[in-house]
Amino acid sequence: MSTRAAGASDARERVCVVDDDDAVRRSLSRLLRSAGYEPAVYASADEFLAGVSTETAGCAVLDLSMPGLDGLAVQRELAARGSAMAVVFVSGRGDVPNSVTAMKEGAVDFLTKPVRSAALLEAVEKALARVRERREFRRAAEDVRGRMATLTSRERQVLDGVVAGLLNKQIAARLGIAEQTVKVHRARVMEKMSVSSLADLVRQMDRARVRRV
């Protein structure tokens, strides 16, 4: 595992360590700093949740068992807030049911204490990579929605027909317009959406999570 240059991650990314054991917090913090991160440490779930916002992106390294809210409850609260943080769990004991639950609910990894340095750093980088992937997906989706906003209502109707797999004549019949008119609108849709093929257009719609008719 290669270390990262300090400041190499996106400025909005944070690596947070949430553990009620002071020794564990110090140990994980030292490890993360040695790898080029600037971790934020929290002694409780409440302290952590108060210190991050829905816009905070990065990785939360959560202890499974803590006084008050446990790690699974924190994970659920982050999900309920629509948080941009990915979660890595650490636990003092092997707990198969909880690990299965954590992974099903979107955790990147579930590690058992004492955590191996390489395993933790690999999990953190995997979590940050997931966050970046989500961010790029959202940016791409917003870009597609922005292009769609430039379409006229008729062009949007033609777009819906095209991505539904209808032929020009079928779209024309559905809309009660001439097939040649559909061709004109279709060409404008392709231009405004900056695509050269139907496959690209369908991928854009999927990326924007637009419901197809």
Protein backbone atom coordinates (compact mmCIF):
# COMPACT_ATOMS: atom_id res chain seq x y z
CA MET A 1 0.00 0.00 0.00
CA SER A 2 1.59 3.23 -1.07
CA THR A 3 1.15 6.34 1.02
CA ARG A 4 -0.51 9.48 -0.29
CA ALA A 5 0.97 12.91 -0.47
CA ALA A 6 -0.59 15.21 2.10
CA GLY A 7 -3.42 17.22 0.61
CA ALA A 8 -3.70 14.87 -2.37
CA SER A 9 -7.38 14.16 -1.76
CA ASP A 10 -10.21 16.43 -2.76
CA ALA A 11 -10.47 19.34 -0.33
CA ARG A 12 -14.06 18.36 0.50
CA GLU A 13 -13.09 14.82 1.48
CA ARG A 14 -12.63 14.03 5.14
CA VAL A 15 -11.54 10.89 6.94
CA CYS A 16 -13.27 10.70 10.31
CA VAL A 17 -12.48 8.25 13.11
CA VAL A 18 -15.34 7.65 15.54
CA ASP A 19 -14.41 5.49 18.54
CA ASP A 20 -14.97 5.84 22.29
CA ASP A 21 -11.56 4.25 23.02
CA ASP A 22 -8.91 6.96 23.23
CA ALA A 23 -6.07 4.53 22.48
CA VAL A 24 -7.81 3.33 19.33
CA ARG A 25 -8.44 6.90 18.18
CA ARG A 26 -4.78 7.80 18.66
CA SER A 27 -3.57 4.65 16.90
CA LEU A 28 -5.85 5.03 13.88
CA SER A 29 -5.12 8.75 13.68
CA ARG A 30 -1.35 8.12 13.61
CA LEU A 31 -1.79 5.48 10.92
CA LEU A 32 -3.92 7.72 8.74
CA ARG A 33 -1.54 10.66 9.15
CA SER A 34 1.38 8.44 8.14
CA ALA A 35 -0.52 7.71 4.91
CA GLY A 36 -1.02 11.42 4.14
CA TYR A 37 -4.53 11.96 5.52
CA GLU A 38 -5.60 14.61 8.03
CA PRO A 39 -8.14 12.65 10.08
CA ALA A 40 -10.80 14.22 12.29
CA VAL A 41 -11.38 12.19 15.46
CA TYR A 42 -14.55 11.93 17.53
CA ALA A 43 -15.10 10.22 20.89
CA SER A 44 -18.81 9.63 20.38
CA ALA A 45 -21.45 9.23 17.72
CA ASP A 46 -23.24 12.38 18.83
CA GLU A 47 -20.04 14.42 18.56
CA PHE A 48 -19.43 13.07 15.08
CA LEU A 49 -22.96 13.67 13.82
CA ALA A 50 -22.85 17.21 15.15
CA GLY A 51 -19.54 17.84 13.40
CA VAL A 52 -20.47 16.80 9.86
CA SER A 53 -23.08 18.10 7.45
CA THR A 54 -24.90 16.48 4.56
CA GLU A 55 -22.35 18.13 2.25
CA THR A 56 -19.36 16.57 4.02
CA ALA A 57 -17.82 13.95 1.74
CA GLY A 58 -15.28 11.34 2.70
CA CYS A 59 -14.95 8.25 4.85
CA ALA A 60 -16.22 7.56 8.36
CA VAL A 61 -14.30 4.86 10.22
CA LEU A 62 -16.92 3.81 12.79
CA ASP A 63 -16.57 1.68 15.90
CA LEU A 64 -19.43 -0.81 15.94
CA SER A 65 -20.03 -0.76 19.72
CA MET A 66 -20.14 2.64 21.42
CA PRO A 67 -22.12 4.12 24.32
CA GLY A 68 -25.28 5.81 23.11
CA LEU A 69 -25.68 5.44 19.35
CA ASP A 70 -23.75 2.46 18.01
CA GLY A 71 -22.05 2.29 14.61
CA LEU A 72 -25.05 0.80 12.82
CA ALA A 73 -27.29 3.57 14.14
CA VAL A 74 -24.80 6.16 12.90
CA GLN A 75 -24.69 4.51 9.49
CA ARG A 76 -28.49 4.67 9.29
CA GLU A 77 -28.54 8.29 10.39
CA LEU A 78 -26.01 9.21 7.69
CA ALA A 79 -28.16 7.43 5.11
CA ALA A 80 -31.30 9.20 6.37
CA ARG A 81 -29.54 12.55 6.00
CA GLY A 82 -28.46 11.74 2.45
CA SER A 83 -24.84 12.06 3.56
CA ALA A 84 -22.01 11.90 1.03
CA MET A 85 -19.83 9.88 3.42
CA ALA A 86 -18.90 6.23 2.94
CA VAL A 87 -18.57 3.99 5.99
CA VAL A 88 -15.90 1.54 7.15
CA PHE A 89 -16.66 -0.38 10.35
CA VAL A 90 -14.19 -1.59 12.96
CA SER A 91 -15.28 -3.99 15.68
CA GLY A 92 -13.63 -5.47 18.75
CA ARG A 93 -15.11 -8.86 18.00
CA GLY A 94 -16.19 -10.91 15.05
CA ASP A 95 -19.91 -10.23 14.70
CA VAL A 96 -21.27 -11.93 11.61
CA PRO A 97 -24.93 -10.78 11.86
CA ASN A 98 -23.92 -7.14 12.36
CA SER A 99 -21.27 -7.30 9.64
CA VAL A 100 -23.83 -8.70 7.20
CA THR A 101 -26.29 -5.95 8.15
CA ALA A 102 -23.63 -3.26 7.78
CA MET A 103 -22.56 -4.45 4.34
CA LYS A 104 -26.16 -4.81 3.15
CA GLU A 105 -26.78 -1.22 4.20
CA GLY A 106 -23.83 0.03 2.16
CA ALA A 107 -20.70 -0.21 4.32
CA VAL A 108 -17.47 -0.44 2.33
CA ASP A 109 -15.80 -2.88 4.72
CA PHE A 110 -16.10 -4.44 8.17
CA LEU A 111 -12.78 -4.91 9.97
CA THR A 112 -12.00 -6.63 13.26
CA LYS A 113 -9.75 -5.07 15.91
CA PRO A 114 -6.82 -5.04 16.14
CA VAL A 115 -7.08 -3.70 12.63
CA ARG A 116 -4.23 -4.45 10.24
CA SER A 117 -2.74 -1.22 8.93
CA ALA A 118 -2.80 -2.29 5.29
CA ALA A 119 -6.40 -3.47 5.55
CA LEU A 120 -7.60 -0.18 7.05
CA LEU A 121 -5.77 2.00 4.54
CA GLU A 122 -7.08 -0.12 1.68
CA ALA A 123 -10.64 0.17 3.02
CA VAL A 124 -10.35 3.95 3.46
CA GLU A 125 -9.05 4.45 -0.07
CA LYS A 126 -11.78 2.20 -1.42
CA ALA A 127 -14.34 4.27 0.48
CA LEU A 128 -12.96 7.55 -0.88
CA ALA A 129 -12.91 6.09 -4.40
CA ARG A 130 -16.60 5.23 -3.99
CA VAL A 131 -17.34 8.78 -2.83
CA ARG A 132 -15.53 10.23 -5.87
CA GLU A 133 -17.42 7.87 -8.18
CA ARG A 134 -20.74 8.97 -6.68
CA ARG A 135 -19.74 12.62 -7.02
CA GLU A 136 -18.84 12.18 -10.69
CA PHE A 137 -22.09 10.33 -11.31
CA ARG A 138 -24.07 13.18 -9.73
CA ARG A 139 -22.18 15.76 -11.78
CA ALA A 140 -22.85 13.81 -14.96
CA ALA A 141 -26.53 13.45 -14.07
CA GLU A 142 -26.84 17.18 -13.38
CA ASP A 143 -25.21 17.91 -16.73
CA VAL A 144 -27.70 15.67 -18.53
CA ARG A 145 -30.62 17.29 -16.70
CA GLY A 146 -29.28 20.68 -17.69
CA ARG A 147 -29.28 19.67 -21.34
CA MET A 148 -32.77 18.26 -21.03
CA ALA A 149 -33.95 21.60 -19.66
CA THR A 150 -33.11 23.17 -23.04
CA LEU A 151 -35.56 20.91 -24.88
CA THR A 152 -38.96 22.20 -25.92
CA SER A 153 -42.02 20.29 -24.73
CA ARG A 154 -42.39 18.68 -28.16
CA GLU A 155 -38.72 17.71 -28.24
CA ARG A 156 -39.11 16.10 -24.83
CA GLN A 157 -42.09 14.11 -26.12
CA VAL A 158 -40.01 12.92 -29.07
CA LEU A 159 -37.13 12.10 -26.70
CA ASP A 160 -39.43 9.98 -24.56
CA GLY A 161 -40.56 8.09 -27.62
CA VAL A 162 -37.04 7.56 -28.90
CA VAL A 163 -35.67 6.14 -25.64
CA ALA A 164 -38.77 3.95 -25.35
CA GLY A 165 -37.62 2.30 -28.58
CA LEU A 166 -40.38 3.63 -30.82
CA LEU A 167 -39.85 4.17 -34.53
CA ASN A 168 -40.30 7.64 -36.00
CA LYS A 169 -43.62 6.66 -37.55
CA GLN A 170 -44.83 5.30 -34.21
CA ILE A 171 -43.86 8.52 -32.44
CA ALA A 172 -45.59 10.48 -35.17
CA ALA A 173 -48.78 8.46 -34.71
CA ARG A 174 -48.66 8.85 -30.94
CA LEU A 175 -48.18 12.63 -31.15
CA GLY A 176 -50.42 13.20 -34.15
CA ILE A 177 -47.70 14.88 -36.21
CA ALA A 178 -45.93 14.12 -39.49
CA GLU A 179 -43.07 11.63 -39.51
CA GLN A 180 -40.81 14.25 -41.12
CA THR A 181 -41.55 16.57 -38.20
CA VAL A 182 -40.49 13.83 -35.80
CA LYS A 183 -37.22 13.49 -37.72
CA VAL A 184 -36.58 17.23 -37.37
CA HIS A 185 -37.29 17.18 -33.64
CA ARG A 186 -35.20 14.04 -33.19
CA ALA A 187 -32.22 15.69 -34.86
CA ARG A 188 -32.57 18.71 -32.58
CA VAL A 189 -32.78 16.44 -29.54
CA MET A 190 -29.57 14.65 -30.53
CA GLU A 191 -27.84 17.99 -31.03
CA LYS A 192 -28.99 19.53 -27.76
CA MET A 193 -28.15 16.38 -25.81
CA SER A 194 -24.70 16.26 -27.49
CA VAL A 195 -25.00 12.63 -28.57
CA SER A 196 -24.42 10.92 -31.89
CA SER A 197 -26.27 7.66 -31.36
CA LEU A 198 -29.37 6.22 -29.73
CA ALA A 199 -27.18 4.15 -27.42
CA ASP A 200 -25.48 7.31 -26.12
CA LEU A 201 -28.86 8.96 -25.61
CA VAL A 202 -30.19 6.00 -23.62
CA ARG A 203 -27.02 5.97 -21.47
CA GLN A 204 -27.50 9.66 -20.74
CA MET A 205 -31.08 9.09 -19.66
CA ASP A 206 -30.01 6.22 -17.42
CA ARG A 207 -27.25 8.38 -15.95
CA ALA A 208 -29.77 11.09 -15.12
CA ARG A 209 -32.11 8.45 -13.71
CA VAL A 210 -34.89 9.74 -15.92
CA ARG A 211 -37.92 7.48 -16.02
CA ARG A 212 -38.59 6.13 -19.46
CA VAL A 213 -42.15 5.89 -20.75
